[in-house]
């Protein structure tokens, strides 16, 4: 009986999908024709399993602007340089259009289900007024605490010096260093965390081990959810094995949120409105302001710190890792880079 009902629903879904959702407009970007349930996933990953290469293959075939269906969700992928420039300078893209209902990954990331709060928090995945208010606050408070200024340069130079000393010590013990990805990420984490929470850790300290673990947990959580059937069929979060995936991801995010709550509480206890030390202090000051927005609360601060983690550490660490690999493969680039640094230092 249940099987027959599921089959009937599937048969009804197919015409509904094509008649109501797959209705190509004349000005719509080209792309492969989608199939029910899977969309274009089977075509995207047919010959290439690495995401960016698979999307590049689609761009080669259909052009720099491609319409793709990820399950039952239509997405437009822009990959051409000129097209990206045009999009970034187009006022139509100044705002954000986000799903009206929270996705599974959003519920895990914010720690709130759609029943508790249907809107996303923070900056990275928020939209509307929340995104505008917190984005403006984040840019202002980061600048006030050194971002884009000489203070940030001082943080970076200090971390670079510590990194060199750390590597020299490691090489004395073992000439082969195999965890450059973690080392570069720890360096980036320290710079972000100094601006966010006014604190830094040596690479072997317990605090740094915690930060690195949390950063890795965030990335693991995203990759385990984003490219899973949960994006297409969120109801699977109630069924095994996806139920276990969601439970594991939720547990990891709760640990990170608990770490943030502890740090925020320490800041509240030592807060001095005449001495704003970092982003957390700036948020607490705004929270206490008579003109504060409703978006300045503990939940948003927690997610905002997660945003800084996600956006400011892994990307920087990976960029440095690729830069090192590039110079190893092309030593002439390393020689030229060293020459330019010496030349600029001599001029200054």
Protein backbone atom coordinates (compact mmCIF):
# COMPACT_ATOMS: atom_id res chain seq x y z
CA UNK A 1 0.00 0.00 0.00
CA UNK A 2 2.76 2.45 1.00
CA UNK A 3 4.82 1.50 -2.06
CA UNK A 4 1.83 2.11 -4.34
CA UNK A 5 1.23 5.51 -2.72
CA UNK A 6 4.88 6.51 -3.18
CA UNK A 7 4.73 5.41 -6.81
CA UNK A 8 1.57 7.47 -7.36
CA UNK A 9 3.18 10.54 -5.79
CA UNK A 10 6.25 10.09 -7.99
CA UNK A 11 4.10 9.85 -11.11
CA UNK A 12 2.20 13.00 -10.13
CA UNK A 13 5.44 14.83 -9.33
CA UNK A 14 6.91 14.32 -12.83
CA UNK A 15 4.31 16.34 -14.78
CA UNK A 16 4.09 18.92 -11.98
CA UNK A 17 7.89 19.37 -12.10
CA UNK A 18 7.96 19.99 -15.85
CA UNK A 19 4.77 22.07 -16.07
CA UNK A 20 5.32 24.39 -13.09
CA UNK A 21 9.07 24.47 -12.39
CA UNK A 22 10.88 23.72 -15.66
CA UNK A 23 9.40 26.52 -17.69
CA UNK A 24 12.29 28.09 -19.57
CA UNK A 25 11.95 31.76 -20.41
CA UNK A 26 13.46 33.19 -23.55
CA UNK A 27 16.02 35.29 -21.66
CA UNK A 28 17.07 32.45 -19.37
CA UNK A 29 20.68 31.25 -19.43
CA UNK A 30 21.29 28.03 -21.38
CA UNK A 31 21.87 24.71 -19.66
CA UNK A 32 21.16 20.98 -19.83
CA UNK A 33 17.57 19.77 -19.58
CA UNK A 34 16.78 18.61 -16.03
CA UNK A 35 15.27 15.35 -14.85
CA UNK A 36 12.82 14.97 -11.95
CA UNK A 37 14.33 14.46 -8.48
CA UNK A 38 17.99 14.62 -9.61
CA UNK A 39 17.89 17.72 -11.80
CA UNK A 40 21.23 17.94 -13.64
CA UNK A 41 23.35 16.22 -10.99
CA UNK A 42 23.94 13.12 -13.12
CA UNK A 43 25.06 15.31 -16.05
CA UNK A 44 27.26 17.61 -13.96
CA UNK A 45 29.20 14.83 -12.27
CA UNK A 46 29.07 12.25 -15.05
CA UNK A 47 32.71 12.64 -16.13
CA UNK A 48 34.15 14.65 -13.25
CA UNK A 49 33.59 14.23 -9.51
CA UNK A 50 35.53 17.34 -8.38
CA UNK A 51 32.97 20.15 -8.05
CA UNK A 52 34.82 23.10 -9.60
CA UNK A 53 36.05 21.00 -12.52
CA UNK A 54 32.59 19.61 -13.14
CA UNK A 55 31.11 23.13 -13.19
CA UNK A 56 33.94 24.28 -15.46
CA UNK A 57 33.00 21.53 -17.93
CA UNK A 58 29.43 22.83 -17.91
CA UNK A 59 30.69 26.36 -18.60
CA UNK A 60 32.83 25.13 -21.50
CA UNK A 61 29.80 23.40 -23.02
CA UNK A 62 27.04 25.97 -22.38
CA UNK A 63 28.86 29.26 -21.81
CA UNK A 64 30.00 31.42 -18.87
CA UNK A 65 26.42 31.75 -17.52
CA UNK A 66 24.69 28.39 -17.06
CA UNK A 67 21.32 27.35 -15.64
CA UNK A 68 21.68 24.16 -13.60
CA UNK A 69 19.25 22.19 -11.48
CA UNK A 70 20.56 20.71 -8.24
CA UNK A 71 17.76 18.30 -7.50
CA UNK A 72 14.58 20.35 -7.53
CA UNK A 73 16.36 23.70 -7.10
CA UNK A 74 17.32 25.89 -10.03
CA UNK A 75 20.64 27.72 -9.80
CA UNK A 76 22.50 30.03 -12.17
CA UNK A 77 26.27 29.55 -12.20
CA UNK A 78 28.41 32.49 -13.38
CA UNK A 79 32.05 31.72 -14.17
CA UNK A 80 33.26 34.16 -16.86
CA UNK A 81 35.54 37.00 -15.71
CA UNK A 82 33.72 39.68 -17.70
CA UNK A 83 30.34 38.29 -16.69
CA UNK A 84 31.34 38.33 -13.02
CA UNK A 85 32.52 41.95 -13.31
CA UNK A 86 29.26 42.94 -14.94
CA UNK A 87 27.26 41.15 -12.24
CA UNK A 88 29.23 42.75 -9.40
CA UNK A 89 28.61 46.24 -10.82
CA UNK A 90 24.91 45.64 -11.42
CA UNK A 91 22.67 47.23 -8.73
CA UNK A 92 20.19 44.37 -9.23
CA UNK A 93 22.61 42.12 -7.31
CA UNK A 94 23.12 44.48 -4.36
CA UNK A 95 20.54 42.66 -2.26
CA UNK A 96 20.13 38.98 -1.56
CA UNK A 97 17.48 36.46 -2.47
CA UNK A 98 17.49 33.60 -0.01
CA UNK A 99 15.08 30.65 0.41
CA UNK A 100 12.06 31.67 2.46
CA UNK A 101 12.40 28.55 4.58
CA UNK A 102 15.58 27.53 6.34
CA UNK A 103 17.57 24.70 4.79
CA UNK A 104 18.90 21.82 6.93
CA UNK A 105 22.41 23.29 6.84
CA UNK A 106 21.05 26.66 8.05
CA UNK A 107 19.35 25.03 11.04
CA UNK A 108 22.58 23.28 12.01
CA UNK A 109 24.74 26.37 11.47
CA UNK A 110 22.52 28.76 13.46
CA UNK A 111 21.49 26.24 16.09
CA UNK A 112 17.84 27.20 15.54
CA UNK A 113 15.16 25.27 13.69
CA UNK A 114 12.72 26.96 11.33
CA UNK A 115 10.01 26.66 14.02
CA UNK A 116 12.09 28.69 16.49
CA UNK A 117 13.31 31.27 13.97
CA UNK A 118 12.51 31.05 10.23
CA UNK A 119 15.25 33.58 9.36
CA UNK A 120 18.99 33.05 9.02
CA UNK A 121 21.41 34.83 11.34
CA UNK A 122 24.80 36.48 10.95
CA UNK A 123 26.15 37.69 7.60
CA UNK A 124 27.25 34.85 5.32
CA UNK A 125 23.89 33.13 4.88
CA UNK A 126 21.48 35.83 6.01
CA UNK A 127 19.41 38.19 3.90
CA UNK A 128 17.20 41.24 4.24
CA UNK A 129 17.53 43.62 7.16
CA UNK A 130 19.58 41.21 9.31
CA UNK A 131 22.22 40.89 6.59
CA UNK A 132 22.33 44.65 5.95
CA UNK A 133 22.63 45.61 9.63
CA UNK A 134 25.21 43.00 10.62
CA UNK A 135 27.24 43.38 7.42
CA UNK A 136 27.52 47.12 8.08
CA UNK A 137 28.44 46.49 11.71
CA UNK A 138 31.02 43.81 10.80
CA UNK A 139 32.83 46.01 8.29
CA UNK A 140 32.89 48.95 10.69
CA UNK A 141 34.01 46.99 13.75
CA UNK A 142 36.67 45.05 11.84
CA UNK A 143 38.11 48.30 10.50
CA UNK A 144 38.03 49.82 13.99
CA UNK A 145 39.99 46.82 15.23
CA UNK A 146 42.67 46.91 12.55
CA UNK A 147 41.26 45.30 9.43
CA UNK A 148 42.80 46.99 6.38
CA UNK A 149 45.02 49.16 8.59
CA UNK A 150 48.54 49.08 9.98
CA UNK A 151 47.34 47.20 13.06
CA UNK A 152 46.28 44.25 10.89
CA UNK A 153 49.65 44.40 9.14
CA UNK A 154 51.31 44.20 12.55
CA UNK A 155 49.24 41.11 13.41
CA UNK A 156 50.21 39.49 10.11
CA UNK A 157 53.92 40.27 10.49
CA UNK A 158 53.95 38.95 14.06
CA UNK A 159 52.24 35.74 12.95
CA UNK A 160 54.62 35.40 10.00
CA UNK A 161 57.61 35.73 12.34
CA UNK A 162 56.13 33.19 14.74
CA UNK A 163 55.46 30.86 11.80
CA UNK A 164 59.10 31.07 10.67
CA UNK A 165 60.38 30.39 14.20
CA UNK A 166 57.94 27.49 14.57
CA UNK A 167 59.00 25.93 11.25
CA UNK A 168 62.70 26.29 12.10
CA UNK A 169 62.08 24.44 15.36
CA UNK A 170 60.01 21.75 13.62
CA UNK A 171 62.67 21.22 10.94
CA UNK A 172 65.33 20.71 13.61
CA UNK A 173 63.23 17.88 15.05
CA UNK A 174 62.11 16.47 11.69
CA UNK A 175 63.12 17.90 8.28
CA UNK A 176 59.81 16.74 6.75
CA UNK A 177 56.78 18.93 7.57
CA UNK A 178 53.58 17.23 6.43
CA UNK A 179 50.85 19.44 7.93
CA UNK A 180 51.40 22.78 6.20
CA UNK A 181 47.66 23.06 5.61
CA UNK A 182 47.01 23.05 9.37
CA UNK A 183 49.94 25.39 10.07
CA UNK A 184 48.76 28.00 7.58
CA UNK A 185 45.18 27.71 8.84
CA UNK A 186 46.36 28.20 12.45
CA UNK A 187 48.21 31.33 11.39
CA UNK A 188 45.08 32.71 9.71
CA UNK A 189 42.93 31.71 12.71
CA UNK A 190 45.16 33.67 15.05
CA UNK A 191 44.87 36.84 12.95
CA UNK A 192 41.07 36.53 12.74
CA UNK A 193 40.72 35.66 16.41
CA UNK A 194 42.85 38.62 17.53
CA UNK A 195 40.47 41.02 15.77
CA UNK A 196 37.36 39.11 16.85
CA UNK A 197 38.25 38.27 20.46
CA UNK A 198 41.53 40.10 21.19
CA UNK A 199 43.42 36.86 21.84
CA UNK A 200 46.06 34.74 20.12
CA UNK A 201 47.49 31.27 20.83
CA UNK A 202 50.77 29.55 20.15
CA UNK A 203 50.34 26.67 17.71
CA UNK A 204 50.75 24.00 20.40
CA UNK A 205 48.45 25.62 23.00
CA UNK A 206 45.17 24.02 23.97
CA UNK A 207 43.24 27.08 22.79
CA UNK A 208 44.70 26.79 19.29
CA UNK A 209 44.00 23.06 19.18
CA UNK A 210 40.37 23.88 20.00
CA UNK A 211 40.14 26.62 17.36
CA UNK A 212 41.63 24.37 14.68
CA UNK A 213 39.30 21.50 15.62
CA UNK A 214 36.28 23.77 15.47
CA UNK A 215 37.34 25.21 12.11
CA UNK A 216 37.76 21.72 10.69
CA UNK A 217 34.39 20.70 12.15
CA UNK A 218 32.63 23.62 10.42
CA UNK A 219 34.11 22.67 7.05
CA UNK A 220 33.37 18.98 7.56
CA UNK A 221 29.79 19.84 8.51
CA UNK A 222 29.26 21.90 5.37
CA UNK A 223 30.73 19.34 3.00
CA UNK A 224 28.79 16.49 4.61
CA UNK A 225 25.47 18.33 4.19
CA UNK A 226 25.76 20.51 1.07
CA UNK A 227 26.50 17.65 -1.32
CA UNK A 228 24.14 15.18 0.29
CA UNK A 229 20.52 14.24 -0.59
CA UNK A 230 19.39 16.50 2.27
CA UNK A 231 19.59 19.56 0.02
CA UNK A 232 17.08 18.03 -2.37
CA UNK A 233 15.03 16.01 0.13
CA UNK A 234 15.28 17.67 3.57
CA UNK A 235 12.76 15.25 5.09
CA UNK A 236 15.55 12.62 5.03
CA UNK A 237 16.99 14.31 8.15
CA UNK A 238 14.46 12.25 10.12
CA UNK A 239 15.54 8.93 8.54
CA UNK A 240 18.78 6.91 8.74
CA UNK A 241 21.51 7.27 7.59
CA UNK A 242 20.99 11.05 7.08
CA UNK A 243 19.60 11.33 10.61
CA UNK A 244 23.01 10.29 11.95
CA UNK A 245 24.79 12.79 9.66
CA UNK A 246 22.59 15.64 10.93
CA UNK A 247 22.99 14.56 14.58
CA UNK A 248 26.77 14.44 14.23
CA UNK A 249 26.92 17.84 12.53
CA UNK A 250 24.59 19.38 15.15
CA UNK A 251 26.73 18.02 17.99
CA UNK A 252 29.89 19.57 16.50
CA UNK A 253 28.24 22.97 15.98
CA UNK A 254 26.92 22.94 19.56
CA UNK A 255 30.49 22.49 20.82
CA UNK A 256 31.62 25.50 18.78
CA UNK A 257 28.68 27.59 20.00
CA UNK A 258 29.50 26.63 23.60
CA UNK A 259 33.10 27.79 23.05
CA UNK A 260 31.82 31.11 21.67
CA UNK A 261 29.37 31.51 24.57
CA UNK A 262 32.19 31.05 27.06
CA UNK A 263 34.35 33.65 25.26
CA UNK A 264 31.42 36.09 25.04
CA UNK A 265 30.67 35.66 28.74
CA UNK A 266 34.31 36.46 29.61
CA UNK A 267 34.02 39.62 27.53
CA UNK A 268 30.76 40.63 29.23
CA UNK A 269 32.38 40.23 32.67
CA UNK A 270 35.38 42.40 31.74
CA UNK A 271 33.57 44.82 29.41
CA UNK A 272 34.54 48.49 29.55
CA UNK A 273 32.62 50.82 27.26
CA UNK A 274 35.57 53.22 27.18
CA UNK A 275 37.96 50.52 26.01
CA UNK A 276 36.59 48.53 23.05
CA UNK A 277 39.14 45.78 22.50
CA UNK A 278 37.70 43.72 19.64
CA UNK A 279 34.62 42.78 17.59
CA UNK A 280 32.92 41.06 20.54
CA UNK A 281 33.27 44.21 22.67
CA UNK A 282 31.93 46.33 19.80
CA UNK A 283 28.90 44.03 19.53
CA UNK A 284 28.26 44.16 23.30
CA UNK A 285 28.48 47.97 23.17
CA UNK A 286 25.98 48.06 20.30
CA UNK A 287 23.77 45.62 22.20
CA UNK A 288 23.68 48.00 25.16
CA UNK A 289 23.09 51.06 22.99
CA UNK A 290 19.75 52.86 23.20
CA UNK A 291 19.55 52.81 19.40
CA UNK A 292 20.37 49.12 19.04
CA UNK A 293 18.70 46.95 16.43
CA UNK A 294 16.77 43.82 17.32
CA UNK A 295 19.45 41.84 15.47
CA UNK A 296 22.05 42.51 18.18
CA UNK A 297 21.60 39.50 20.44
CA UNK A 298 23.59 36.50 21.66
CA UNK A 299 22.42 34.20 18.86
CA UNK A 300 23.51 36.60 16.12
CA UNK A 301 26.87 37.27 17.79
CA UNK A 302 27.49 33.53 18.00
CA UNK A 303 26.76 33.06 14.29
CA UNK A 304 28.75 36.17 13.35
CA UNK A 305 31.83 34.66 15.02
CA UNK A 306 31.20 31.46 13.06
CA UNK A 307 31.05 33.55 9.87
CA UNK A 308 34.43 35.12 10.64
CA UNK A 309 35.82 31.64 11.28
CA UNK A 310 34.49 30.25 8.04
CA UNK A 311 35.34 33.19 5.80
CA UNK A 312 38.63 34.32 7.27
CA UNK A 313 40.70 31.24 8.08
CA UNK A 314 40.26 28.32 5.68
CA UNK A 315 40.38 30.50 2.56
CA UNK A 316 43.54 32.30 3.67
CA UNK A 317 45.22 29.07 4.76
CA UNK A 318 44.42 27.32 1.47
CA UNK A 319 45.64 30.32 -0.55
CA UNK A 320 48.99 30.21 1.24
CA UNK A 321 49.21 26.46 0.79
CA UNK A 322 48.60 26.77 -2.97
CA UNK A 323 51.11 29.64 -3.19
CA UNK A 324 53.79 27.45 -1.59
CA UNK A 325 52.99 24.55 -3.92
CA UNK A 326 53.15 26.92 -6.91
CA UNK A 327 56.60 28.18 -5.90
CA UNK A 328 57.85 24.62 -5.31
CA UNK A 329 56.72 23.61 -8.80
CA UNK A 330 58.00 26.85 -10.36
CA UNK A 331 61.13 27.90 -8.41
CA UNK A 332 61.78 30.77 -10.84
CA UNK A 333 58.64 32.44 -9.44
CA UNK A 334 60.03 32.10 -5.91
CA UNK A 335 63.34 33.66 -7.01
CA UNK A 336 61.54 36.55 -8.73
CA UNK A 337 59.31 37.08 -5.70
CA UNK A 338 62.34 37.15 -3.39
CA UNK A 339 64.10 39.62 -5.69
CA UNK A 340 61.09 41.96 -5.73
CA UNK A 341 60.80 41.88 -1.95
CA UNK A 342 64.49 42.75 -1.57
CA UNK A 343 64.18 45.51 -4.18
CA UNK A 344 61.14 47.05 -2.47
CA UNK A 345 62.82 46.83 0.93
CA UNK A 346 65.91 48.62 -0.44
CA UNK A 347 63.74 51.40 -1.93
CA UNK A 348 61.90 51.96 1.33
